[in-house]
Amino acid sequence: MASKTEVSIMDDIIEYAADSARMKVDITLAQRGELCESAIERVLLAALVPVIEVEEGCPLRIIPAEIALDERVGILCLSCQVKIEDYRVDFLLIDSRLKRPLPIVIECDGHDFHERTKDQALRDRSRDRAVQAMGAMMFRFTGREIWRDPIKCAREVFELLETHARAEEREHSTL
């Protein structure tokens, strides 16, 4: 089986986005690479937009982290290249529509920069602990997972959002 290129994967994602002009604008923004540092980040970002909007049925806004971290925003927010303590994470996703938003940190682990050496693995584990200490959920995808099926990776993130929202809903309904 021939490996897919970034362009062919982006074309598949744009097709998945169907007729939504705004989603295509966000996907185009992801393609231009201004928000991301690597091809796997661009591909995952492009997949997150339509999956969350189609599945969740609400717009996902790509905004700066300092706005996303303001719990009063009341929207589903995605920020790219966010500084958390001494680290920079690839994505921070926050559903501030919830009473108790669950920050989700998403990392795209390309082989060149993650777990190739002991020092890289040590840095990744330290980053994971810093993220967890701030009360966030850490999601790591390998480059291979993203290249093979970025829509599936995005759906895993969406499923976590849904699980958290349902748990909050159940908690409020029992009060």
N, C-alpha and C. Protein backbone atom coordinates (compact mmCIF):
# COMPACT_ATOMS: atom_id res chain seq x y z
N MET A 1 0.83 -1.18 0.00
CA MET A 1 0.00 0.00 0.00
C MET A 1 0.88 1.24 0.00
N ALA A 2 0.60 2.16 -0.89
CA ALA A 2 1.38 3.39 -0.98
C ALA A 2 1.07 4.28 0.22
N SER A 3 2.11 4.93 0.72
CA SER A 3 1.87 5.82 1.85
C SER A 3 1.23 7.11 1.36
N LYS A 4 0.37 7.64 2.19
CA LYS A 4 -0.32 8.87 1.84
C LYS A 4 0.58 10.06 2.09
N THR A 5 0.41 11.08 1.29
CA THR A 5 1.15 12.31 1.49
C THR A 5 0.30 13.26 2.32
N GLU A 6 0.94 14.29 2.85
CA GLU A 6 0.20 15.29 3.61
C GLU A 6 -0.91 15.90 2.75
N VAL A 7 -0.61 16.15 1.49
CA VAL A 7 -1.61 16.75 0.59
C VAL A 7 -2.80 15.82 0.39
N SER A 8 -2.55 14.53 0.16
CA SER A 8 -3.67 13.61 -0.07
C SER A 8 -4.50 13.43 1.21
N ILE A 9 -3.85 13.43 2.36
CA ILE A 9 -4.58 13.32 3.62
C ILE A 9 -5.44 14.57 3.83
N MET A 10 -4.86 15.74 3.56
CA MET A 10 -5.63 16.99 3.70
C MET A 10 -6.83 16.98 2.75
N ASP A 11 -6.65 16.47 1.55
CA ASP A 11 -7.77 16.38 0.60
C ASP A 11 -8.89 15.50 1.16
N ASP A 12 -8.51 14.37 1.78
CA ASP A 12 -9.51 13.49 2.40
C ASP A 12 -10.26 14.21 3.52
N ILE A 13 -9.53 14.99 4.31
CA ILE A 13 -10.15 15.70 5.42
C ILE A 13 -11.10 16.78 4.89
N ILE A 14 -10.69 17.50 3.86
CA ILE A 14 -11.55 18.53 3.28
C ILE A 14 -12.82 17.89 2.72
N GLU A 15 -12.68 16.72 2.12
CA GLU A 15 -13.86 16.01 1.63
C GLU A 15 -14.78 15.64 2.79
N TYR A 16 -14.20 15.20 3.91
CA TYR A 16 -14.97 14.86 5.10
C TYR A 16 -15.73 16.09 5.62
N ALA A 17 -15.11 17.25 5.50
CA ALA A 17 -15.72 18.48 6.01
C ALA A 17 -16.95 18.88 5.21
N ALA A 18 -17.14 18.25 4.07
CA ALA A 18 -18.33 18.45 3.23
C ALA A 18 -18.48 19.90 2.79
N ASP A 19 -19.63 20.47 3.05
CA ASP A 19 -19.95 21.78 2.49
C ASP A 19 -19.74 22.95 3.44
N SER A 20 -19.13 22.73 4.56
CA SER A 20 -18.97 23.83 5.52
C SER A 20 -17.83 24.74 5.10
N ALA A 21 -18.17 25.92 4.66
CA ALA A 21 -17.16 26.88 4.20
C ALA A 21 -16.24 27.30 5.34
N ARG A 22 -16.81 27.52 6.55
CA ARG A 22 -15.98 27.96 7.65
C ARG A 22 -14.99 26.89 8.07
N MET A 23 -15.43 25.62 8.06
CA MET A 23 -14.50 24.53 8.39
C MET A 23 -13.37 24.49 7.38
N LYS A 24 -13.70 24.69 6.12
CA LYS A 24 -12.65 24.66 5.09
C LYS A 24 -11.66 25.80 5.30
N VAL A 25 -12.13 26.95 5.79
CA VAL A 25 -11.22 28.05 6.09
C VAL A 25 -10.27 27.63 7.21
N ASP A 26 -10.81 27.02 8.28
CA ASP A 26 -9.96 26.57 9.39
C ASP A 26 -8.98 25.48 8.93
N ILE A 27 -9.45 24.58 8.07
CA ILE A 27 -8.57 23.53 7.57
C ILE A 27 -7.47 24.14 6.70
N THR A 28 -7.83 25.13 5.90
CA THR A 28 -6.84 25.82 5.07
C THR A 28 -5.81 26.51 5.95
N LEU A 29 -6.28 27.11 7.03
CA LEU A 29 -5.38 27.74 7.99
C LEU A 29 -4.42 26.70 8.56
N ALA A 30 -4.94 25.53 8.88
CA ALA A 30 -4.09 24.44 9.38
C ALA A 30 -3.06 24.03 8.33
N GLN A 31 -3.49 23.96 7.07
CA GLN A 31 -2.59 23.56 5.99
C GLN A 31 -1.44 24.53 5.81
N ARG A 32 -1.71 25.81 5.99
CA ARG A 32 -0.67 26.81 5.77
C ARG A 32 0.45 26.68 6.77
N GLY A 33 0.18 26.05 7.88
CA GLY A 33 1.25 25.76 8.83
C GLY A 33 1.61 26.90 9.76
N GLU A 34 0.84 27.96 9.77
CA GLU A 34 1.16 29.09 10.63
C GLU A 34 0.92 28.77 12.10
N LEU A 35 0.09 27.79 12.38
CA LEU A 35 -0.26 27.46 13.76
C LEU A 35 0.54 26.30 14.30
N CYS A 36 1.16 25.53 13.42
CA CYS A 36 1.80 24.28 13.81
C CYS A 36 3.25 24.25 13.36
N GLU A 37 4.00 23.35 14.00
CA GLU A 37 5.42 23.23 13.69
C GLU A 37 5.76 22.06 12.79
N SER A 38 4.86 21.11 12.63
CA SER A 38 5.20 19.92 11.86
C SER A 38 4.02 19.48 11.00
N ALA A 39 4.32 18.61 10.06
CA ALA A 39 3.28 18.09 9.17
C ALA A 39 2.24 17.28 9.94
N ILE A 40 2.68 16.46 10.92
CA ILE A 40 1.69 15.66 11.66
C ILE A 40 0.78 16.55 12.50
N GLU A 41 1.29 17.67 12.99
CA GLU A 41 0.43 18.61 13.72
C GLU A 41 -0.58 19.25 12.77
N ARG A 42 -0.14 19.64 11.58
CA ARG A 42 -1.05 20.23 10.61
C ARG A 42 -2.17 19.26 10.23
N VAL A 43 -1.80 18.00 10.03
CA VAL A 43 -2.80 16.99 9.65
C VAL A 43 -3.79 16.76 10.79
N LEU A 44 -3.30 16.63 12.02
CA LEU A 44 -4.22 16.39 13.13
C LEU A 44 -5.11 17.62 13.36
N LEU A 45 -4.56 18.80 13.29
CA LEU A 45 -5.37 20.01 13.44
C LEU A 45 -6.48 20.06 12.39
N ALA A 46 -6.11 19.77 11.16
CA ALA A 46 -7.10 19.77 10.09
C ALA A 46 -8.19 18.74 10.32
N ALA A 47 -7.86 17.60 10.94
CA ALA A 47 -8.85 16.56 11.23
C ALA A 47 -9.72 16.92 12.43
N LEU A 48 -9.15 17.58 13.43
CA LEU A 48 -9.91 17.93 14.63
C LEU A 48 -11.09 18.86 14.32
N VAL A 49 -10.88 19.79 13.41
CA VAL A 49 -11.92 20.78 13.13
C VAL A 49 -13.20 20.12 12.62
N PRO A 50 -13.18 19.37 11.52
CA PRO A 50 -14.45 18.80 11.05
C PRO A 50 -15.00 17.70 11.94
N VAL A 51 -14.14 16.88 12.54
CA VAL A 51 -14.65 15.79 13.38
C VAL A 51 -15.42 16.36 14.56
N ILE A 52 -14.84 17.33 15.23
CA ILE A 52 -15.51 17.88 16.40
C ILE A 52 -16.76 18.65 15.98
N GLU A 53 -16.68 19.40 14.89
CA GLU A 53 -17.86 20.17 14.48
C GLU A 53 -18.97 19.27 13.95
N VAL A 54 -18.63 18.24 13.20
CA VAL A 54 -19.65 17.33 12.66
C VAL A 54 -20.23 16.48 13.79
N GLU A 55 -19.37 15.89 14.60
CA GLU A 55 -19.82 14.99 15.66
C GLU A 55 -20.48 15.76 16.81
N GLU A 56 -19.86 16.84 17.22
CA GLU A 56 -20.35 17.61 18.36
C GLU A 56 -21.49 18.53 17.95
N GLY A 57 -21.50 18.94 16.71
CA GLY A 57 -22.56 19.82 16.23
C GLY A 57 -22.41 21.25 16.70
N CYS A 58 -21.20 21.63 17.07
CA CYS A 58 -20.97 23.02 17.45
C CYS A 58 -19.62 23.46 16.92
N PRO A 59 -19.47 24.75 16.70
CA PRO A 59 -18.21 25.24 16.16
C PRO A 59 -17.04 25.07 17.13
N LEU A 60 -15.92 24.71 16.59
CA LEU A 60 -14.66 24.66 17.33
C LEU A 60 -13.89 25.90 16.92
N ARG A 61 -13.52 26.72 17.87
CA ARG A 61 -12.80 27.95 17.57
C ARG A 61 -11.32 27.78 17.88
N ILE A 62 -10.49 28.19 16.94
CA ILE A 62 -9.05 28.17 17.13
C ILE A 62 -8.67 29.56 17.64
N ILE A 63 -8.30 29.62 18.93
CA ILE A 63 -8.03 30.91 19.56
C ILE A 63 -6.79 30.82 20.43
N PRO A 64 -6.23 31.98 20.82
CA PRO A 64 -5.05 31.97 21.70
C PRO A 64 -5.36 31.34 23.06
N ALA A 65 -4.36 30.71 23.64
CA ALA A 65 -4.54 29.97 24.90
C ALA A 65 -5.03 30.85 26.03
N GLU A 66 -4.55 32.08 26.12
CA GLU A 66 -4.97 32.92 27.24
C GLU A 66 -6.48 33.20 27.22
N ILE A 67 -7.08 33.20 26.04
CA ILE A 67 -8.53 33.35 25.94
C ILE A 67 -9.20 32.02 26.26
N ALA A 68 -8.66 30.93 25.73
CA ALA A 68 -9.25 29.61 25.96
C ALA A 68 -9.25 29.25 27.44
N LEU A 69 -8.24 29.68 28.16
CA LEU A 69 -8.13 29.35 29.59
C LEU A 69 -9.08 30.17 30.46
N ASP A 70 -9.70 31.20 29.89
CA ASP A 70 -10.70 31.97 30.60
C ASP A 70 -12.01 31.19 30.55
N GLU A 71 -12.39 30.59 31.66
CA GLU A 71 -13.55 29.70 31.70
C GLU A 71 -14.86 30.38 31.35
N ARG A 72 -14.87 31.69 31.28
CA ARG A 72 -16.11 32.41 30.96
C ARG A 72 -16.37 32.49 29.46
N VAL A 73 -15.47 32.01 28.64
CA VAL A 73 -15.61 32.12 27.19
C VAL A 73 -16.88 31.41 26.71
N GLY A 74 -17.15 30.21 27.21
CA GLY A 74 -18.38 29.50 26.90
C GLY A 74 -18.43 28.86 25.53
N ILE A 75 -17.29 28.52 24.97
CA ILE A 75 -17.25 27.85 23.67
C ILE A 75 -16.22 26.73 23.71
N LEU A 76 -16.23 25.93 22.67
CA LEU A 76 -15.23 24.88 22.50
C LEU A 76 -14.02 25.52 21.84
N CYS A 77 -12.88 25.51 22.53
CA CYS A 77 -11.69 26.25 22.10
C CYS A 77 -10.50 25.32 21.86
N LEU A 78 -9.75 25.62 20.83
CA LEU A 78 -8.51 24.90 20.55
C LEU A 78 -7.40 25.93 20.38
N SER A 79 -6.30 25.71 21.10
CA SER A 79 -5.13 26.57 20.99
C SER A 79 -3.94 25.73 20.56
N CYS A 80 -3.06 26.34 19.80
CA CYS A 80 -1.89 25.64 19.26
C CYS A 80 -0.60 26.19 19.88
N GLN A 81 0.36 25.30 20.10
CA GLN A 81 1.67 25.67 20.61
C GLN A 81 1.55 26.48 21.90
N VAL A 82 1.02 25.83 22.93
CA VAL A 82 0.70 26.49 24.19
C VAL A 82 1.80 26.24 25.21
N LYS A 83 2.22 27.30 25.91
CA LYS A 83 3.23 27.16 26.95
C LYS A 83 2.56 26.75 28.26
N ILE A 84 3.02 25.65 28.83
CA ILE A 84 2.57 25.18 30.14
C ILE A 84 3.83 24.95 30.96
N GLU A 85 4.00 25.76 31.98
CA GLU A 85 5.22 25.76 32.78
C GLU A 85 6.42 25.94 31.86
N ASP A 86 7.37 25.01 31.91
CA ASP A 86 8.57 25.15 31.07
C ASP A 86 8.43 24.43 29.73
N TYR A 87 7.24 24.01 29.39
CA TYR A 87 7.03 23.20 28.19
C TYR A 87 6.10 23.92 27.22
N ARG A 88 6.17 23.50 25.99
CA ARG A 88 5.22 23.95 24.99
C ARG A 88 4.53 22.71 24.45
N VAL A 89 3.21 22.70 24.52
CA VAL A 89 2.45 21.55 24.04
C VAL A 89 1.87 21.87 22.67
N ASP A 90 1.59 20.83 21.91
CA ASP A 90 1.11 21.03 20.54
C ASP A 90 -0.27 21.67 20.51
N PHE A 91 -1.22 21.11 21.29
CA PHE A 91 -2.59 21.62 21.29
C PHE A 91 -3.17 21.59 22.69
N LEU A 92 -4.03 22.57 22.97
CA LEU A 92 -4.81 22.59 24.19
C LEU A 92 -6.26 22.77 23.77
N LEU A 93 -7.11 21.82 24.14
CA LEU A 93 -8.53 21.83 23.81
C LEU A 93 -9.31 21.99 25.10
N ILE A 94 -10.20 22.98 25.14
CA ILE A 94 -11.01 23.23 26.34
C ILE A 94 -12.45 23.46 25.94
N ASP A 95 -13.34 22.72 26.58
CA ASP A 95 -14.77 22.93 26.36
C ASP A 95 -15.27 23.80 27.51
N SER A 96 -15.20 25.11 27.32
CA SER A 96 -15.58 26.01 28.41
C SER A 96 -17.09 26.23 28.49
N ARG A 97 -17.85 25.44 27.72
CA ARG A 97 -19.31 25.45 27.88
C ARG A 97 -19.71 24.69 29.14
N LEU A 98 -18.82 23.82 29.61
CA LEU A 98 -19.11 23.00 30.79
C LEU A 98 -18.83 23.77 32.08
N LYS A 99 -19.48 23.38 33.15
CA LYS A 99 -19.23 24.03 34.44
C LYS A 99 -17.81 23.74 34.93
N ARG A 100 -17.36 22.51 34.68
CA ARG A 100 -15.99 22.13 35.04
C ARG A 100 -15.26 21.69 33.77
N PRO A 101 -14.72 22.66 33.02
CA PRO A 101 -14.04 22.29 31.78
C PRO A 101 -12.85 21.37 32.03
N LEU A 102 -12.70 20.39 31.16
CA LEU A 102 -11.56 19.48 31.23
C LEU A 102 -10.57 19.91 30.15
N PRO A 103 -9.44 20.50 30.55
CA PRO A 103 -8.43 20.82 29.54
C PRO A 103 -7.83 19.52 29.00
N ILE A 104 -7.73 19.43 27.69
CA ILE A 104 -7.13 18.26 27.05
C ILE A 104 -5.91 18.74 26.29
N VAL A 105 -4.76 18.20 26.65
CA VAL A 105 -3.52 18.50 25.94
C VAL A 105 -3.30 17.38 24.94
N ILE A 106 -3.03 17.77 23.70
CA ILE A 106 -2.81 16.79 22.64
C ILE A 106 -1.40 16.97 22.11
N GLU A 107 -0.66 15.89 22.12
CA GLU A 107 0.71 15.89 21.62
C GLU A 107 0.82 14.97 20.41
N CYS A 108 1.54 15.44 19.41
CA CYS A 108 1.80 14.66 18.20
C CYS A 108 3.27 14.24 18.27
N ASP A 109 3.49 12.97 18.49
CA ASP A 109 4.85 12.49 18.73
C ASP A 109 5.49 11.93 17.47
N GLY A 110 6.21 12.78 16.78
CA GLY A 110 6.99 12.32 15.64
C GLY A 110 8.22 11.58 16.13
N HIS A 111 8.68 10.64 15.37
CA HIS A 111 9.80 9.79 15.78
C HIS A 111 11.09 10.58 16.04
N ASP A 112 11.31 11.64 15.29
CA ASP A 112 12.56 12.39 15.42
C ASP A 112 12.69 13.12 16.76
N PHE A 113 11.57 13.46 17.39
CA PHE A 113 11.63 14.29 18.59
C PHE A 113 11.09 13.63 19.85
N HIS A 114 10.59 12.43 19.74
CA HIS A 114 9.98 11.79 20.91
C HIS A 114 10.44 10.34 21.03
N GLU A 115 10.88 10.01 22.23
CA GLU A 115 11.21 8.63 22.61
C GLU A 115 12.30 7.98 21.76
N ARG A 116 13.06 8.78 21.07
CA ARG A 116 14.17 8.22 20.30
C ARG A 116 15.40 8.02 21.18
N THR A 117 15.52 8.92 22.17
CA THR A 117 16.62 8.80 23.13
C THR A 117 16.03 8.80 24.54
N LYS A 118 16.85 8.42 25.50
CA LYS A 118 16.41 8.43 26.89
C LYS A 118 16.07 9.85 27.35
N ASP A 119 16.85 10.83 26.90
CA ASP A 119 16.57 12.22 27.28
C ASP A 119 15.23 12.70 26.73
N GLN A 120 14.91 12.32 25.50
CA GLN A 120 13.62 12.70 24.93
C GLN A 120 12.48 12.05 25.71
N ALA A 121 12.63 10.79 26.04
CA ALA A 121 11.59 10.08 26.81
C ALA A 121 11.43 10.73 28.19
N LEU A 122 12.53 11.09 28.83
CA LEU A 122 12.50 11.74 30.13
C LEU A 122 11.76 13.08 30.04
N ARG A 123 12.06 13.86 29.02
CA ARG A 123 11.39 15.16 28.84
C ARG A 123 9.89 14.97 28.62
N ASP A 124 9.51 13.97 27.83
CA ASP A 124 8.09 13.72 27.58
C ASP A 124 7.37 13.33 28.87
N ARG A 125 7.98 12.47 29.69
CA ARG A 125 7.34 12.06 30.94
C ARG A 125 7.21 13.25 31.89
N SER A 126 8.23 14.10 31.95
CA SER A 126 8.18 15.30 32.78
C SER A 126 7.06 16.22 32.31
N ARG A 127 6.93 16.38 31.02
CA ARG A 127 5.85 17.21 30.44
C ARG A 127 4.49 16.62 30.81
N ASP A 128 4.36 15.29 30.70
CA ASP A 128 3.09 14.63 31.06
C ASP A 128 2.70 14.93 32.50
N ARG A 129 3.67 14.86 33.41
CA ARG A 129 3.39 15.12 34.82
C ARG A 129 2.99 16.58 35.05
N ALA A 130 3.64 17.51 34.37
CA ALA A 130 3.30 18.93 34.50
C ALA A 130 1.87 19.18 34.02
N VAL A 131 1.49 18.56 32.92
CA VAL A 131 0.15 18.70 32.37
C VAL A 131 -0.88 18.11 33.33
N GLN A 132 -0.59 16.93 33.85
CA GLN A 132 -1.53 16.28 34.78
C GLN A 132 -1.65 17.07 36.08
N ALA A 133 -0.56 17.69 36.52
CA ALA A 133 -0.59 18.48 37.75
C ALA A 133 -1.51 19.70 37.61
N MET A 134 -1.67 20.20 36.40
CA MET A 134 -2.58 21.34 36.20
C MET A 134 -4.02 20.89 36.03
N GLY A 135 -4.26 19.57 36.13
CA GLY A 135 -5.62 19.04 36.04
C GLY A 135 -6.08 18.75 34.62
N ALA A 136 -5.15 18.63 33.71
CA ALA A 136 -5.49 18.37 32.31
C ALA A 136 -5.32 16.89 31.98
N MET A 137 -6.00 16.47 30.93
CA MET A 137 -5.86 15.12 30.40
C MET A 137 -4.84 15.17 29.27
N MET A 138 -3.93 14.22 29.25
CA MET A 138 -2.89 14.18 28.20
C MET A 138 -3.26 13.15 27.16
N PHE A 139 -3.23 13.54 25.91
CA PHE A 139 -3.45 12.64 24.78
C PHE A 139 -2.21 12.67 23.92
N ARG A 140 -1.60 11.52 23.69
CA ARG A 140 -0.44 11.43 22.80
C ARG A 140 -0.77 10.53 21.62
N PHE A 141 -0.46 11.01 20.43
CA PHE A 141 -0.60 10.22 19.23
C PHE A 141 0.77 10.12 18.57
N THR A 142 1.10 8.93 18.09
CA THR A 142 2.34 8.78 17.35
C THR A 142 2.14 9.34 15.94
N GLY A 143 3.25 9.67 15.31
CA GLY A 143 3.16 10.13 13.93
C GLY A 143 2.51 9.09 13.03
N ARG A 144 2.81 7.84 13.28
CA ARG A 144 2.24 6.76 12.47
C ARG A 144 0.71 6.71 12.61
N GLU A 145 0.20 6.87 13.84
CA GLU A 145 -1.25 6.88 14.04
C GLU A 145 -1.89 8.02 13.26
N ILE A 146 -1.27 9.19 13.32
CA ILE A 146 -1.82 10.36 12.64
C ILE A 146 -1.79 10.18 11.13
N TRP A 147 -0.66 9.70 10.59
CA TRP A 147 -0.56 9.50 9.14
C TRP A 147 -1.55 8.45 8.66
N ARG A 148 -1.72 7.39 9.45
CA ARG A 148 -2.61 6.31 9.01
C ARG A 148 -4.09 6.71 9.03
N ASP A 149 -4.50 7.42 10.08
CA ASP A 149 -5.91 7.74 10.19
C ASP A 149 -6.14 8.95 11.11
N PRO A 150 -5.93 10.16 10.58
CA PRO A 150 -6.10 11.35 11.42
C PRO A 150 -7.53 11.53 11.90
N ILE A 151 -8.51 11.09 11.12
CA ILE A 151 -9.91 11.21 11.53
C ILE A 151 -10.16 10.33 12.77
N LYS A 152 -9.60 9.13 12.79
CA LYS A 152 -9.75 8.25 13.95
C LYS A 152 -9.12 8.89 15.20
N CYS A 153 -7.95 9.50 15.05
CA CYS A 153 -7.30 10.18 16.18
C CYS A 153 -8.20 11.30 16.70
N ALA A 154 -8.74 12.09 15.79
CA ALA A 154 -9.62 13.20 16.18
C ALA A 154 -10.87 12.67 16.87
N ARG A 155 -11.38 11.55 16.40
CA ARG A 155 -12.58 10.96 17.03
C ARG A 155 -12.29 10.51 18.46
N GLU A 156 -11.09 10.01 18.71
CA GLU A 156 -10.74 9.61 20.08
C GLU A 156 -10.79 10.82 21.02
N VAL A 157 -10.31 11.96 20.54
CA VAL A 157 -10.36 13.19 21.33
C VAL A 157 -11.82 13.57 21.56
N PHE A 158 -12.62 13.52 20.51
CA PHE A 158 -14.04 13.85 20.61
C PHE A 158 -14.74 12.95 21.62
N GLU A 159 -14.43 11.65 21.59
CA GLU A 159 -15.06 10.71 22.52
C GLU A 159 -14.75 11.05 23.97
N LEU A 160 -13.53 11.51 24.22
CA LEU A 160 -13.18 11.94 25.58
C LEU A 160 -14.01 13.17 25.97
N LEU A 161 -14.16 14.12 25.06
CA LEU A 161 -15.00 15.30 25.32
C LEU A 161 -16.42 14.87 25.68
N GLU A 162 -16.96 13.95 24.88
CA GLU A 162 -18.32 13.45 25.11
C GLU A 162 -18.46 12.75 26.45
N THR A 163 -17.50 11.91 26.79
CA THR A 163 -17.53 11.19 28.06
C THR A 163 -17.53 12.16 29.23
N HIS A 164 -16.68 13.18 29.15
CA HIS A 164 -16.61 14.17 30.22
C HIS A 164 -17.92 14.96 30.32
N ALA A 165 -18.48 15.35 29.19
CA ALA A 165 -19.74 16.11 29.19
C ALA A 165 -20.89 15.28 29.77
N ARG A 166 -20.95 13.98 29.39
CA ARG A 166 -22.01 13.11 29.92
C ARG A 166 -21.87 12.93 31.43
N ALA A 167 -20.63 12.78 31.89
CA ALA A 167 -20.39 12.61 33.33
C ALA A 167 -20.84 13.87 34.08
N GLU A 168 -20.54 15.03 33.53
CA GLU A 168 -20.96 16.27 34.18
C GLU A 168 -22.48 16.39 34.17
N GLU A 169 -23.10 15.99 33.07
CA GLU A 169 -24.56 16.03 32.97
C GLU A 169 -25.21 15.12 34.02
N ARG A 170 -24.67 13.90 34.16
CA ARG A 170 -25.20 12.96 35.17
C ARG A 170 -25.03 13.53 36.58
N GLU A 171 -23.89 14.14 36.82
CA GLU A 171 -23.61 14.70 38.13
C GLU A 171 -24.62 15.80 38.46
N HIS A 172 -24.93 16.66 37.51
CA HIS A 172 -25.88 17.75 37.75
C HIS A 172 -27.32 17.26 37.85
N SER A 173 -27.63 16.18 37.15
CA SER A 173 -29.00 15.67 37.19
C SER A 173 -29.32 14.97 38.52
N THR A 174 -28.29 14.55 39.24
CA THR A 174 -28.52 13.89 40.52
C THR A 174 -28.52 14.86 41.69
N LEU A 175 -28.22 16.12 41.42
CA LEU A 175 -28.20 17.12 42.50
C LEU A 175 -29.57 17.60 42.86
